[in-house]
Amino acid sequence: MAREELTKKDVEKIQAEIDYRKTVVRKEAIEAVKVAREQGDLSENFEYYAAKRDKNKNESRIRYLERMLKTASIISDESKEDEVGINNTVELYFEDDDEVETYKLVTSIRGDSLDGRISIESPIGKAILGHKVGERVYVKINETAGFYVVIRSLENTTDTEEDTIRTY
């Protein structure tokens, strides 16, 4: 299993989610199972099975996040003022499509391309990391395919609350 690369802020967010799930969600889930069990015959008790499923899902998420923290490597989210780095927002010109797209570069656990956040592990993220405005960069998709982008602008943005940790 590859080690997840996390920033200190990622670690804080993960720990906050673990704490919340252990102190709030776990108690609610246990209570929901207890209430559903009291309704009698468990063989046809949908509420009981739903409550058990939710409880198990919460415990699974806690284990997943704890395992991620144990195996992660911590990386810096600092970059030079004029270079693309983690948490920077970039405007890219896609030559083949003659289109401009704006993305925020984030760690893989916060990546969400539908919300404009691309991972440093994605082909585009890997390609543009460390480059400067005006540079033409080749994005390698695989051994035989790729495309060029031009970095049009760079904004030194920061990690925000909207940059949530992905679920599975």
Protein backbone atom coordinates (compact mmCIF):
# COMPACT_ATOMS: atom_id res chain seq x y z
CA MET A 1 0.00 0.00 0.00
CA ALA A 2 1.36 3.40 -0.96
CA ARG A 3 1.87 5.90 1.80
CA GLU A 4 -0.63 8.74 1.71
CA GLU A 5 1.02 12.16 1.58
CA LEU A 6 -0.65 14.52 4.03
CA THR A 7 -0.05 18.08 5.14
CA LYS A 8 -0.21 19.06 8.81
CA LYS A 9 -3.64 20.58 8.10
CA ASP A 10 -4.81 17.27 6.59
CA VAL A 11 -3.70 15.46 9.76
CA GLU A 12 -5.62 17.97 11.90
CA LYS A 13 -8.78 17.49 9.80
CA ILE A 14 -8.50 13.71 9.97
CA GLN A 15 -7.96 13.75 13.73
CA ALA A 16 -10.94 16.10 14.17
CA GLU A 17 -13.15 13.72 12.17
CA ILE A 18 -11.94 10.71 14.20
CA ASP A 19 -12.64 12.55 17.47
CA TYR A 20 -16.10 13.60 16.29
CA ARG A 21 -16.96 10.09 15.13
CA LYS A 22 -15.78 8.58 18.42
CA THR A 23 -17.46 11.07 20.75
CA VAL A 24 -20.64 12.00 18.88
CA VAL A 25 -21.48 9.64 16.03
CA ARG A 26 -20.52 6.48 17.95
CA LYS A 27 -22.82 7.37 20.88
CA GLU A 28 -25.71 8.19 18.55
CA ALA A 29 -25.21 4.94 16.61
CA ILE A 30 -25.10 2.81 19.76
CA GLU A 31 -28.27 4.48 21.03
CA ALA A 32 -30.02 3.92 17.67
CA VAL A 33 -29.16 0.20 17.78
CA LYS A 34 -30.40 -0.02 21.36
CA VAL A 35 -33.72 1.71 20.56
CA ALA A 36 -34.27 -0.45 17.47
CA ARG A 37 -33.47 -3.65 19.40
CA GLU A 38 -36.15 -2.75 21.95
CA GLN A 39 -38.80 -2.86 19.21
CA GLY A 40 -38.95 -6.62 19.45
CA ASP A 41 -38.52 -9.31 16.78
CA LEU A 42 -35.13 -8.69 15.15
CA SER A 43 -35.78 -10.99 12.17
CA GLU A 44 -38.03 -8.39 10.51
CA ASN A 45 -36.72 -5.24 12.17
CA PHE A 46 -35.47 -2.98 9.39
CA GLU A 47 -34.62 -0.19 11.82
CA TYR A 48 -32.33 -2.54 13.75
CA TYR A 49 -30.42 -3.63 10.63
CA ALA A 50 -30.16 -0.02 9.40
CA ALA A 51 -28.87 1.13 12.78
CA LYS A 52 -26.32 -1.73 12.88
CA ARG A 53 -25.20 -0.88 9.34
CA ASP A 54 -24.71 2.80 10.26
CA LYS A 55 -22.82 1.86 13.42
CA ASN A 56 -20.53 -0.50 11.49
CA LYS A 57 -19.98 2.10 8.76
CA ASN A 58 -18.89 4.64 11.38
CA GLU A 59 -16.47 2.17 12.99
CA SER A 60 -15.08 1.28 9.58
CA ARG A 61 -14.48 4.97 8.78
CA ILE A 62 -12.69 5.44 12.13
CA ARG A 63 -10.40 2.47 11.40
CA TYR A 64 -9.73 3.73 7.86
CA LEU A 65 -8.76 7.21 9.08
CA GLU A 66 -6.63 5.90 11.95
CA ARG A 67 -4.78 3.56 9.57
CA MET A 68 -4.22 6.47 7.18
CA LEU A 69 -2.66 8.55 9.95
CA LYS A 70 -0.39 5.68 11.02
CA THR A 71 0.98 5.08 7.54
CA ALA A 72 1.05 8.63 6.14
CA SER A 73 4.08 10.69 5.37
CA ILE A 74 3.85 14.37 6.27
CA ILE A 75 4.69 16.82 3.50
CA SER A 76 4.99 20.58 3.50
CA ASP A 77 2.33 22.71 1.86
CA GLU A 78 4.74 25.60 1.43
CA SER A 79 5.91 26.62 -2.02
CA LYS A 80 7.80 29.47 -3.60
CA GLU A 81 5.69 32.53 -4.33
CA ASP A 82 5.96 32.04 -8.10
CA GLU A 83 5.74 28.22 -8.27
CA VAL A 84 2.71 25.95 -8.32
CA GLY A 85 2.39 24.20 -4.95
CA ILE A 86 -0.14 22.52 -2.69
CA ASN A 87 -3.24 24.68 -2.03
CA ASN A 88 -2.43 27.01 -4.94
CA THR A 89 -5.16 27.85 -7.42
CA VAL A 90 -4.02 27.76 -11.02
CA GLU A 91 -5.57 28.69 -14.32
CA LEU A 92 -4.56 26.25 -17.04
CA TYR A 93 -4.91 26.60 -20.79
CA PHE A 94 -5.51 23.26 -22.49
CA GLU A 95 -4.01 23.62 -25.97
CA ASP A 96 -5.78 20.65 -27.60
CA ASP A 97 -9.22 21.82 -26.46
CA ASP A 98 -8.54 25.60 -26.62
CA GLU A 99 -10.11 25.85 -23.15
CA VAL A 100 -9.13 27.42 -19.85
CA GLU A 101 -9.86 25.65 -16.54
CA THR A 102 -9.17 26.70 -12.96
CA TYR A 103 -8.06 24.17 -10.37
CA LYS A 104 -6.82 24.13 -6.81
CA LEU A 105 -3.93 21.72 -6.20
CA VAL A 106 -4.47 19.59 -3.08
CA THR A 107 -3.33 16.35 -1.47
CA SER A 108 -5.04 13.21 -2.74
CA ILE A 109 -7.36 12.89 0.27
CA ARG A 110 -8.91 16.25 -0.59
CA GLY A 111 -9.01 15.81 -4.35
CA ASP A 112 -12.40 16.33 -5.98
CA SER A 113 -12.14 17.21 -9.65
CA LEU A 114 -15.87 17.90 -9.87
CA ASP A 115 -15.33 20.67 -7.31
CA GLY A 116 -12.19 22.04 -8.97
CA ARG A 117 -9.67 20.39 -6.62
CA ILE A 118 -7.06 18.18 -8.26
CA SER A 119 -4.64 15.93 -6.47
CA ILE A 120 -0.87 16.27 -6.54
CA GLU A 121 -0.96 12.55 -7.46
CA SER A 122 -3.10 13.10 -10.58
CA PRO A 123 -1.39 13.39 -13.97
CA ILE A 124 -2.09 17.15 -14.16
CA GLY A 125 -1.11 17.71 -10.53
CA LYS A 126 2.19 15.84 -10.91
CA ALA A 127 2.99 17.70 -14.13
CA ILE A 128 2.38 21.28 -12.96
CA LEU A 129 3.76 21.01 -9.41
CA GLY A 130 6.79 23.28 -9.10
CA HIS A 131 6.25 25.04 -12.44
CA LYS A 132 5.73 28.78 -13.00
CA VAL A 133 3.22 31.03 -14.74
CA GLY A 134 3.78 31.08 -18.50
CA GLU A 135 5.36 27.63 -18.64
CA ARG A 136 4.12 25.04 -21.11
CA VAL A 137 3.95 21.68 -19.36
CA TYR A 138 3.46 18.19 -20.78
CA VAL A 139 0.88 16.12 -18.90
CA LYS A 140 1.67 12.43 -19.32
CA ILE A 141 -1.42 10.23 -19.14
CA ASN A 142 0.34 6.96 -19.94
CA GLU A 143 3.34 5.72 -21.92
CA THR A 144 1.82 6.71 -25.27
CA ALA A 145 -0.55 9.59 -24.52
CA GLY A 146 -0.43 13.05 -23.06
CA PHE A 147 -1.20 16.69 -23.74
CA TYR A 148 0.15 20.18 -23.12
CA VAL A 149 -1.15 22.84 -20.76
CA VAL A 150 0.07 26.37 -20.23
CA ILE A 151 -0.03 27.80 -16.72
CA ARG A 152 -1.88 31.10 -17.20
CA SER A 153 -2.08 32.32 -13.61
CA LEU A 154 -1.27 31.30 -10.06
CA GLU A 155 -2.96 32.36 -6.85
CA ASN A 156 -1.46 31.45 -3.49
CA THR A 157 -4.60 30.25 -1.80
CA THR A 158 -4.82 28.26 1.43
CA ASP A 159 -6.47 25.17 2.79
CA THR A 160 -10.08 26.01 3.65
CA GLU A 161 -12.95 24.27 5.41
CA GLU A 162 -14.49 23.51 2.00
CA ASP A 163 -11.49 21.29 1.23
CA THR A 164 -13.01 18.29 2.93
CA ILE A 165 -11.48 14.87 3.28
CA ARG A 166 -12.87 12.47 0.71
CA THR A 167 -15.07 9.63 1.74
CA TYR A 168 -14.97 6.14 0.28
